[in-house]
Amino acid sequence: HPDDVQGIGPLRQWILDNVADETVLMVDDDVYG
């Protein structure tokens, strides 16, 4: 994503706008179990 996309809310929206799949699961990078 462009570096000017800042904050988790705008980033999550950017992901939804840029992933074509009907189902998108966003996973925190620190999830471990």
Full PDB file with SEQRES, HELIX, SHEET, SSBOND, CRYST1, ORIGX, SCALE, CONECT and MASTER records, all heavy atoms in Angstrom:
SEQRES   1 A   33  HIS PRO ASP ASP VAL GLN GLY ILE GLY PRO LEU ARG GLN          
SEQRES   2 A   33  TRP ILE LEU ASP ASN VAL ALA ASP GLU THR VAL LEU MET          
SEQRES   3 A   33  VAL ASP ASP ASP VAL TYR GLY                                  
HELIX    1 AA1 ILE A    8  ASN A   18  1                                  11    
CRYST1    1.000    1.000    1.000  90.00  90.00  90.00 P 1           1          
ORIGX1      1.000000  0.000000  0.000000        0.00000                         
ORIGX2      0.000000  1.000000  0.000000        0.00000                         
ORIGX3      0.000000  0.000000  1.000000        0.00000                         
SCALE1      1.000000  0.000000  0.000000        0.00000                         
SCALE2      0.000000  1.000000  0.000000        0.00000                         
SCALE3      0.000000  0.000000  1.000000        0.00000                         
ATOM      1  N   HIS A   1       0.844  -1.201   0.000  1.00  0.00           N  
ATOM      2  CA  HIS A   1       0.000   0.000   0.000  1.00  0.00           C  
ATOM      3  C   HIS A   1       0.874   1.244   0.000  1.00  0.00           C  
ATOM      4  O   HIS A   1       2.036   1.200   0.416  1.00  0.00           O  
ATOM      5  CB  HIS A   1      -0.956   0.004   1.201  1.00  0.00           C  
ATOM      6  CG  HIS A   1      -0.286   0.101   2.536  1.00  0.00           C  
ATOM      7  ND1 HIS A   1       0.157   1.292   3.065  1.00  0.00           N  
ATOM      8  CD2 HIS A   1       0.009  -0.856   3.457  1.00  0.00           C  
ATOM      9  CE1 HIS A   1       0.693   1.072   4.250  1.00  0.00           C  
ATOM     10  NE2 HIS A   1       0.615  -0.226   4.514  1.00  0.00           N  
ATOM     11  N   PRO A   2       0.324   2.375  -0.461  1.00  0.00           N  
ATOM     12  CA  PRO A   2       1.080   3.627  -0.411  1.00  0.00           C  
ATOM     13  C   PRO A   2       1.418   3.980   1.039  1.00  0.00           C  
ATOM     14  O   PRO A   2       0.627   3.733   1.956  1.00  0.00           O  
ATOM     15  CB  PRO A   2       0.113   4.661  -1.006  1.00  0.00           C  
ATOM     16  CG  PRO A   2      -0.894   3.870  -1.778  1.00  0.00           C  
ATOM     17  CD  PRO A   2      -1.001   2.550  -1.081  1.00  0.00           C  
ATOM     18  N   ASP A   3       2.584   4.544   1.234  1.00  0.00           N  
ATOM     19  CA  ASP A   3       3.014   4.915   2.586  1.00  0.00           C  
ATOM     20  C   ASP A   3       2.102   5.945   3.240  1.00  0.00           C  
ATOM     21  O   ASP A   3       2.072   6.059   4.459  1.00  0.00           O  
ATOM     22  CB  ASP A   3       4.453   5.444   2.570  1.00  0.00           C  
ATOM     23  CG  ASP A   3       5.471   4.326   2.466  1.00  0.00           C  
ATOM     24  OD1 ASP A   3       5.185   3.193   2.910  1.00  0.00           O  
ATOM     25  OD2 ASP A   3       6.578   4.587   1.942  1.00  0.00           O  
ATOM     26  N   ASP A   4       1.339   6.685   2.438  1.00  0.00           N  
ATOM     27  CA  ASP A   4       0.472   7.696   3.050  1.00  0.00           C  
ATOM     28  C   ASP A   4      -0.823   7.121   3.626  1.00  0.00           C  
ATOM     29  O   ASP A   4      -1.602   7.845   4.239  1.00  0.00           O  
ATOM     30  CB  ASP A   4       0.171   8.834   2.063  1.00  0.00           C  
ATOM     31  CG  ASP A   4      -0.631   8.386   0.850  1.00  0.00           C  
ATOM     32  OD1 ASP A   4      -0.799   7.170   0.637  1.00  0.00           O  
ATOM     33  OD2 ASP A   4      -1.082   9.271   0.095  1.00  0.00           O  
ATOM     34  N   VAL A   5      -1.041   5.814   3.486  1.00  0.00           N  
ATOM     35  CA  VAL A   5      -2.180   5.173   4.153  1.00  0.00           C  
ATOM     36  C   VAL A   5      -1.745   4.926   5.592  1.00  0.00           C  
ATOM     37  O   VAL A   5      -0.924   4.056   5.861  1.00  0.00           O  
ATOM     38  CB  VAL A   5      -2.595   3.853   3.459  1.00  0.00           C  
ATOM     39  CG1 VAL A   5      -3.728   3.197   4.238  1.00  0.00           C  
ATOM     40  CG2 VAL A   5      -2.998   4.106   2.024  1.00  0.00           C  
ATOM     41  N   GLN A   6      -2.256   5.706   6.509  1.00  0.00           N  
ATOM     42  CA  GLN A   6      -1.829   5.664   7.911  1.00  0.00           C  
ATOM     43  C   GLN A   6      -3.007   5.318   8.814  1.00  0.00           C  
ATOM     44  O   GLN A   6      -4.132   5.762   8.574  1.00  0.00           O  
ATOM     45  CB  GLN A   6      -1.249   7.014   8.334  1.00  0.00           C  
ATOM     46  CG  GLN A   6       0.025   7.391   7.623  1.00  0.00           C  
ATOM     47  CD  GLN A   6       1.194   6.534   8.050  1.00  0.00           C  
ATOM     48  OE1 GLN A   6       1.414   6.311   9.242  1.00  0.00           O  
ATOM     49  NE2 GLN A   6       1.945   6.049   7.091  1.00  0.00           N  
ATOM     50  N   GLY A   7      -2.740   4.553   9.873  1.00  0.00           N  
ATOM     51  CA  GLY A   7      -3.766   4.187  10.840  1.00  0.00           C  
ATOM     52  C   GLY A   7      -4.434   2.886  10.440  1.00  0.00           C  
ATOM     53  O   GLY A   7      -4.596   2.582   9.254  1.00  0.00           O  
ATOM     54  N   ILE A   8      -4.837   2.105  11.448  1.00  0.00           N  
ATOM     55  CA  ILE A   8      -5.380   0.782  11.168  1.00  0.00           C  
ATOM     56  C   ILE A   8      -6.742   0.849  10.480  1.00  0.00           C  
ATOM     57  O   ILE A   8      -7.044   0.022   9.610  1.00  0.00           O  
ATOM     58  CB  ILE A   8      -5.414  -0.100  12.444  1.00  0.00           C  
ATOM     59  CG1 ILE A   8      -5.646  -1.570  12.079  1.00  0.00           C  
ATOM     60  CG2 ILE A   8      -6.422   0.403  13.440  1.00  0.00           C  
ATOM     61  CD1 ILE A   8      -4.574  -2.208  11.241  1.00  0.00           C  
ATOM     62  N   GLY A   9      -7.573   1.825  10.813  1.00  0.00           N  
ATOM     63  CA  GLY A   9      -8.873   1.954  10.161  1.00  0.00           C  
ATOM     64  C   GLY A   9      -8.748   2.198   8.660  1.00  0.00           C  
ATOM     65  O   GLY A   9      -9.299   1.440   7.844  1.00  0.00           O  
ATOM     66  N   PRO A  10      -8.020   3.254   8.264  1.00  0.00           N  
ATOM     67  CA  PRO A  10      -7.821   3.497   6.832  1.00  0.00           C  
ATOM     68  C   PRO A  10      -7.102   2.335   6.128  1.00  0.00           C  
ATOM     69  O   PRO A  10      -7.411   2.022   4.978  1.00  0.00           O  
ATOM     70  CB  PRO A  10      -6.973   4.772   6.793  1.00  0.00           C  
ATOM     71  CG  PRO A  10      -7.311   5.478   8.061  1.00  0.00           C  
ATOM     72  CD  PRO A  10      -7.522   4.379   9.072  1.00  0.00           C  
ATOM     73  N   LEU A  11      -6.180   1.680   6.827  1.00  0.00           N  
ATOM     74  CA  LEU A  11      -5.477   0.549   6.214  1.00  0.00           C  
ATOM     75  C   LEU A  11      -6.431  -0.618   5.971  1.00  0.00           C  
ATOM     76  O   LEU A  11      -6.429  -1.230   4.902  1.00  0.00           O  
ATOM     77  CB  LEU A  11      -4.303   0.097   7.083  1.00  0.00           C  
ATOM     78  CG  LEU A  11      -3.534  -1.114   6.544  1.00  0.00           C  
ATOM     79  CD1 LEU A  11      -3.001  -0.850   5.138  1.00  0.00           C  
ATOM     80  CD2 LEU A  11      -2.409  -1.482   7.492  1.00  0.00           C  
ATOM     81  N   ARG A  12      -7.264  -0.925   6.947  1.00  0.00           N  
ATOM     82  CA  ARG A  12      -8.238  -2.011   6.752  1.00  0.00           C  
ATOM     83  C   ARG A  12      -9.185  -1.698   5.597  1.00  0.00           C  
ATOM     84  O   ARG A  12      -9.525  -2.574   4.804  1.00  0.00           O  
ATOM     85  CB  ARG A  12      -9.005  -2.269   8.046  1.00  0.00           C  
ATOM     86  CG  ARG A  12      -8.153  -2.920   9.126  1.00  0.00           C  
ATOM     87  CD  ARG A  12      -9.000  -3.371  10.307  1.00  0.00           C  
ATOM     88  NE  ARG A  12      -8.218  -3.784  11.441  1.00  0.00           N  
ATOM     89  CZ  ARG A  12      -7.578  -4.954  11.554  1.00  0.00           C  
ATOM     90  NH1 ARG A  12      -7.620  -5.819  10.586  1.00  0.00           N  
ATOM     91  NH2 ARG A  12      -6.898  -5.239  12.660  1.00  0.00           N  
ATOM     92  N   GLN A  13      -9.616  -0.444   5.482  1.00  0.00           N  
ATOM     93  CA  GLN A  13     -10.474  -0.071   4.357  1.00  0.00           C  
ATOM     94  C   GLN A  13      -9.723  -0.203   3.045  1.00  0.00           C  
ATOM     95  O   GLN A  13     -10.274  -0.669   2.045  1.00  0.00           O  
ATOM     96  CB  GLN A  13     -11.011   1.352   4.525  1.00  0.00           C  
ATOM     97  CG  GLN A  13     -12.039   1.724   3.471  1.00  0.00           C  
ATOM     98  CD  GLN A  13     -13.249   0.801   3.491  1.00  0.00           C  
ATOM     99  OE1 GLN A  13     -13.895   0.629   4.517  1.00  0.00           O  
ATOM    100  NE2 GLN A  13     -13.554   0.193   2.344  1.00  0.00           N  
ATOM    101  N   TRP A  14      -8.441   0.195   3.017  1.00  0.00           N  
ATOM    102  CA  TRP A  14      -7.631   0.077   1.805  1.00  0.00           C  
ATOM    103  C   TRP A  14      -7.520  -1.392   1.394  1.00  0.00           C  
ATOM    104  O   TRP A  14      -7.633  -1.723   0.205  1.00  0.00           O  
ATOM    105  CB  TRP A  14      -6.234   0.681   2.037  1.00  0.00           C  
ATOM    106  CG  TRP A  14      -5.427   0.738   0.782  1.00  0.00           C  
ATOM    107  CD1 TRP A  14      -5.353   1.775  -0.100  1.00  0.00           C  
ATOM    108  CD2 TRP A  14      -4.587  -0.304   0.261  1.00  0.00           C  
ATOM    109  NE1 TRP A  14      -4.519   1.429  -1.143  1.00  0.00           N  
ATOM    110  CE2 TRP A  14      -4.037   0.162  -0.939  1.00  0.00           C  
ATOM    111  CE3 TRP A  14      -4.240  -1.580   0.696  1.00  0.00           C  
ATOM    112  CZ2 TRP A  14      -3.162  -0.595  -1.726  1.00  0.00           C  
ATOM    113  CZ3 TRP A  14      -3.376  -2.345  -0.085  1.00  0.00           C  
ATOM    114  CH2 TRP A  14      -2.849  -1.859  -1.270  1.00  0.00           C  
ATOM    115  N   ILE A  15      -7.339  -2.277   2.368  1.00  0.00           N  
ATOM    116  CA  ILE A  15      -7.264  -3.715   2.078  1.00  0.00           C  
ATOM    117  C   ILE A  15      -8.580  -4.184   1.457  1.00  0.00           C  
ATOM    118  O   ILE A  15      -8.581  -4.864   0.426  1.00  0.00           O  
ATOM    119  CB  ILE A  15      -6.924  -4.517   3.346  1.00  0.00           C  
ATOM    120  CG1 ILE A  15      -5.479  -4.229   3.771  1.00  0.00           C  
ATOM    121  CG2 ILE A  15      -7.130  -6.015   3.116  1.00  0.00           C  
ATOM    122  CD1 ILE A  15      -5.114  -4.762   5.159  1.00  0.00           C  
ATOM    123  N   LEU A  16      -9.700  -3.822   2.066  1.00  0.00           N  
ATOM    124  CA  LEU A  16     -11.005  -4.228   1.521  1.00  0.00           C  
ATOM    125  C   LEU A  16     -11.214  -3.696   0.106  1.00  0.00           C  
ATOM    126  O   LEU A  16     -11.797  -4.374  -0.741  1.00  0.00           O  
ATOM    127  CB  LEU A  16     -12.136  -3.752   2.434  1.00  0.00           C  
ATOM    128  CG  LEU A  16     -12.224  -4.451   3.789  1.00  0.00           C  
ATOM    129  CD1 LEU A  16     -13.285  -3.787   4.659  1.00  0.00           C  
ATOM    130  CD2 LEU A  16     -12.505  -5.938   3.629  1.00  0.00           C  
ATOM    131  N   ASP A  17     -10.719  -2.494  -0.161  1.00  0.00           N  
ATOM    132  CA  ASP A  17     -10.864  -1.888  -1.483  1.00  0.00           C  
ATOM    133  C   ASP A  17      -9.936  -2.519  -2.515  1.00  0.00           C  
ATOM    134  O   ASP A  17     -10.156  -2.374  -3.719  1.00  0.00           O  
ATOM    135  CB  ASP A  17     -10.589  -0.382  -1.428  1.00  0.00           C  
ATOM    136  CG  ASP A  17     -11.639   0.389  -0.648  1.00  0.00           C  
ATOM    137  OD1 ASP A  17     -12.753  -0.157  -0.429  1.00  0.00           O  
ATOM    138  OD2 ASP A  17     -11.338   1.529  -0.239  1.00  0.00           O  
ATOM    139  N   ASN A  18      -8.887  -3.208  -2.070  1.00  0.00           N  
ATOM    140  CA  ASN A  18      -7.865  -3.701  -2.992  1.00  0.00           C  
ATOM    141  C   ASN A  18      -7.705  -5.213  -3.032  1.00  0.00           C  
ATOM    142  O   ASN A  18      -6.815  -5.715  -3.726  1.00  0.00           O  
ATOM    143  CB  ASN A  18      -6.520  -3.040  -2.672  1.00  0.00           C  
ATOM    144  CG  ASN A  18      -6.516  -1.587  -3.076  1.00  0.00           C  
ATOM    145  OD1 ASN A  18      -6.289  -1.255  -4.220  1.00  0.00           O  
ATOM    146  ND2 ASN A  18      -6.821  -0.711  -2.127  1.00  0.00           N  
ATOM    147  N   VAL A  19      -8.524  -5.927  -2.316  1.00  0.00           N  
ATOM    148  CA  VAL A  19      -8.529  -7.390  -2.382  1.00  0.00           C  
ATOM    149  C   VAL A  19      -9.839  -7.804  -3.031  1.00  0.00           C  
ATOM    150  O   VAL A  19     -10.911  -7.429  -2.556  1.00  0.00           O  
ATOM    151  CB  VAL A  19      -8.373  -8.021  -0.982  1.00  0.00           C  
ATOM    152  CG1 VAL A  19      -8.536  -9.530  -1.042  1.00  0.00           C  
ATOM    153  CG2 VAL A  19      -7.011  -7.661  -0.392  1.00  0.00           C  
ATOM    154  N   ALA A  20      -9.735  -8.576  -4.100  1.00  0.00           N  
ATOM    155  CA  ALA A  20     -10.921  -8.917  -4.893  1.00  0.00           C  
ATOM    156  C   ALA A  20     -11.768 -10.029  -4.286  1.00  0.00           C  
ATOM    157  O   ALA A  20     -12.945 -10.145  -4.604  1.00  0.00           O  
ATOM    158  CB  ALA A  20     -10.492  -9.318  -6.305  1.00  0.00           C  
ATOM    159  N   ASP A  21     -11.211 -10.836  -3.410  1.00  0.00           N  
ATOM    160  CA  ASP A  21     -11.940 -11.976  -2.864  1.00  0.00           C  
ATOM    161  C   ASP A  21     -13.158 -11.510  -2.071  1.00  0.00           C  
ATOM    162  O   ASP A  21     -13.120 -10.487  -1.388  1.00  0.00           O  
ATOM    163  CB  ASP A  21     -11.017 -12.805  -1.968  1.00  0.00           C  
ATOM    164  CG  ASP A  21     -11.496 -14.227  -1.794  1.00  0.00           C  
ATOM    165  OD1 ASP A  21     -12.640 -14.429  -1.335  1.00  0.00           O  
ATOM    166  OD2 ASP A  21     -10.720 -15.141  -2.116  1.00  0.00           O  
ATOM    167  N   GLU A  22     -14.224 -12.285  -2.130  1.00  0.00           N  
ATOM    168  CA  GLU A  22     -15.456 -11.955  -1.402  1.00  0.00           C  
ATOM    169  C   GLU A  22     -15.255 -12.016   0.112  1.00  0.00           C  
ATOM    170  O   GLU A  22     -15.854 -11.254   0.868  1.00  0.00           O  
ATOM    171  CB  GLU A  22     -16.558 -12.933  -1.809  1.00  0.00           C  
ATOM    172  CG  GLU A  22     -17.853 -12.732  -1.077  1.00  0.00           C  
ATOM    173  CD  GLU A  22     -18.899 -13.775  -1.433  1.00  0.00           C  
ATOM    174  OE1 GLU A  22     -18.549 -14.960  -1.598  1.00  0.00           O  
ATOM    175  OE2 GLU A  22     -20.070 -13.395  -1.531  1.00  0.00           O  
ATOM    176  N   THR A  23     -14.398 -12.938   0.554  1.00  0.00           N  
ATOM    177  CA  THR A  23     -14.145 -13.105   1.986  1.00  0.00           C  
ATOM    178  C   THR A  23     -12.697 -12.734   2.280  1.00  0.00           C  
ATOM    179  O   THR A  23     -11.779 -13.331   1.732  1.00  0.00           O  
ATOM    180  CB  THR A  23     -14.406 -14.559   2.421  1.00  0.00           C  
ATOM    181  OG1 THR A  23     -15.736 -14.918   2.048  1.00  0.00           O  
ATOM    182  CG2 THR A  23     -14.221 -14.721   3.919  1.00  0.00           C  
ATOM    183  N   VAL A  24     -12.517 -11.745   3.151  1.00  0.00           N  
ATOM    184  CA  VAL A  24     -11.181 -11.285   3.536  1.00  0.00           C  
ATOM    185  C   VAL A  24     -11.052 -11.426   5.043  1.00  0.00           C  
ATOM    186  O   VAL A  24     -11.855 -10.875   5.797  1.00  0.00           O  
ATOM    187  CB  VAL A  24     -10.944  -9.816   3.127  1.00  0.00           C  
ATOM    188  CG1 VAL A  24      -9.562  -9.347   3.566  1.00  0.00           C  
ATOM    189  CG2 VAL A  24     -11.130  -9.632   1.627  1.00  0.00           C  
ATOM    190  N   LEU A  25     -10.060 -12.176   5.472  1.00  0.00           N  
ATOM    191  CA  LEU A  25      -9.756 -12.301   6.892  1.00  0.00           C  
ATOM    192  C   LEU A  25      -8.482 -11.517   7.165  1.00  0.00           C  
ATOM    193  O   LEU A  25      -7.443 -11.790   6.567  1.00  0.00           O  
ATOM    194  CB  LEU A  25      -9.552 -13.772   7.285  1.00  0.00           C  
ATOM    195  CG  LEU A  25      -9.119 -13.995   8.735  1.00  0.00           C  
ATOM    196  CD1 LEU A  25     -10.254 -13.656   9.698  1.00  0.00           C  
ATOM    197  CD2 LEU A  25      -8.666 -15.427   8.942  1.00  0.00           C  
ATOM    198  N   MET A  26      -8.565 -10.528   8.050  1.00  0.00           N  
ATOM    199  CA  MET A  26      -7.389  -9.758   8.431  1.00  0.00           C  
ATOM    200  C   MET A  26      -6.905 -10.274   9.776  1.00  0.00           C  
ATOM    201  O   MET A  26      -7.678 -10.333  10.733  1.00  0.00           O  
ATOM    202  CB  MET A  26      -7.723  -8.275   8.497  1.00  0.00           C  
ATOM    203  CG  MET A  26      -8.049  -7.698   7.148  1.00  0.00           C  
ATOM    204  SD  MET A  26      -8.361  -5.931   7.235  1.00  0.00           S  
ATOM    205  CE  MET A  26      -9.806  -5.830   6.178  1.00  0.00           C  
ATOM    206  N   VAL A  27      -5.633 -10.634   9.812  1.00  0.00           N  
ATOM    207  CA  VAL A  27      -5.036 -11.260  10.988  1.00  0.00           C  
ATOM    208  C   VAL A  27      -3.945 -10.344  11.533  1.00  0.00           C  
ATOM    209  O   VAL A  27      -3.069  -9.907  10.780  1.00  0.00           O  
ATOM    210  CB  VAL A  27      -4.427 -12.630  10.618  1.00  0.00           C  
ATOM    211  CG1 VAL A  27      -3.735 -13.258  11.803  1.00  0.00           C  
ATOM    212  CG2 VAL A  27      -5.486 -13.563  10.050  1.00  0.00           C  
ATOM    213  N   ASP A  28      -3.985 -10.051  12.826  1.00  0.00           N  
ATOM    214  CA  ASP A  28      -2.918  -9.263  13.442  1.00  0.00           C  
ATOM    215  C   ASP A  28      -1.592  -9.987  13.277  1.00  0.00           C  
ATOM    216  O   ASP A  28      -1.527 -11.216  13.378  1.00  0.00           O  
ATOM    217  CB  ASP A  28      -3.189  -9.051  14.924  1.00  0.00           C  
ATOM    218  CG  ASP A  28      -4.365  -8.127  15.190  1.00  0.00           C  
ATOM    219  OD1 ASP A  28      -4.825  -7.460  14.239  1.00  0.00           O  
ATOM    220  OD2 ASP A  28      -4.829  -8.080  16.336  1.00  0.00           O  
ATOM    221  N   ASP A  29      -0.522  -9.231  13.070  1.00  0.00           N  
ATOM    222  CA  ASP A  29       0.782  -9.856  12.828  1.00  0.00           C  
ATOM    223  C   ASP A  29       1.364 -10.543  14.054  1.00  0.00           C  
ATOM    224  O   ASP A  29       2.299 -11.338  13.948  1.00  0.00           O  
ATOM    225  CB  ASP A  29       1.785  -8.865  12.245  1.00  0.00           C  
ATOM    226  CG  ASP A  29       2.074  -7.665  13.136  1.00  0.00           C  
ATOM    227  OD1 ASP A  29       1.564  -7.602  14.282  1.00  0.00           O  
ATOM    228  OD2 ASP A  29       2.815  -6.767  12.685  1.00  0.00           O  
ATOM    229  N   ASP A  30       0.797 -10.286  15.230  1.00  0.00           N  
ATOM    230  CA  ASP A  30       1.342 -10.896  16.451  1.00  0.00           C  
ATOM    231  C   ASP A  30       0.486 -12.054  16.981  1.00  0.00           C  
ATOM    232  O   ASP A  30       0.733 -12.559  18.072  1.00  0.00           O  
ATOM    233  CB  ASP A  30       1.550  -9.851  17.542  1.00  0.00           C  
ATOM    234  CG  ASP A  30       0.270  -9.136  17.951  1.00  0.00           C  
ATOM    235  OD1 ASP A  30      -0.773  -9.328  17.287  1.00  0.00           O  
ATOM    236  OD2 ASP A  30       0.321  -8.369  18.926  1.00  0.00           O  
ATOM    237  N   VAL A  31      -0.501 -12.506  16.208  1.00  0.00           N  
ATOM    238  CA  VAL A  31      -1.328 -13.627  16.660  1.00  0.00           C  
ATOM    239  C   VAL A  31      -0.465 -14.892  16.685  1.00  0.00           C  
ATOM    240  O   VAL A  31       0.354 -15.108  15.807  1.00  0.00           O  
ATOM    241  CB  VAL A  31      -2.581 -13.800  15.760  1.00  0.00           C  
ATOM    242  CG1 VAL A  31      -2.222 -14.264  14.371  1.00  0.00           C  
ATOM    243  CG2 VAL A  31      -3.562 -14.755  16.378  1.00  0.00           C  
ATOM    244  N   TYR A  32      -0.622 -15.697  17.733  1.00  0.00           N  
ATOM    245  CA  TYR A  32       0.248 -16.875  17.868  1.00  0.00           C  
ATOM    246  C   TYR A  32      -0.494 -18.151  18.225  1.00  0.00           C  
ATOM    247  O   TYR A  32       0.117 -19.209  18.352  1.00  0.00           O  
ATOM    248  CB  TYR A  32       1.341 -16.615  18.902  1.00  0.00           C  
ATOM    249  CG  TYR A  32       0.820 -16.301  20.278  1.00  0.00           C  
ATOM    250  CD1 TYR A  32       0.507 -17.313  21.179  1.00  0.00           C  
ATOM    251  CD2 TYR A  32       0.621 -14.989  20.670  1.00  0.00           C  
ATOM    252  CE1 TYR A  32       0.020 -17.021  22.447  1.00  0.00           C  
ATOM    253  CE2 TYR A  32       0.141 -14.683  21.929  1.00  0.00           C  
ATOM    254  CZ  TYR A  32      -0.158 -15.707  22.806  1.00  0.00           C  
ATOM    255  OH  TYR A  32      -0.652 -15.409  24.054  1.00  0.00           O  
ATOM    256  N   GLY A  33      -1.796 -18.101  18.391  1.00  0.00           N  
ATOM    257  CA  GLY A  33      -2.526 -19.312  18.717  1.00  0.00           C  
ATOM    258  C   GLY A  33      -4.016 -19.066  18.663  1.00  0.00           C  
ATOM    259  O   GLY A  33      -4.474 -17.931  18.578  1.00  0.00           O  
TER     260      GLY A  33                                                      
MASTER        0    0    0    1    0    0    0    6  259    1    0    3          
END                                                                             
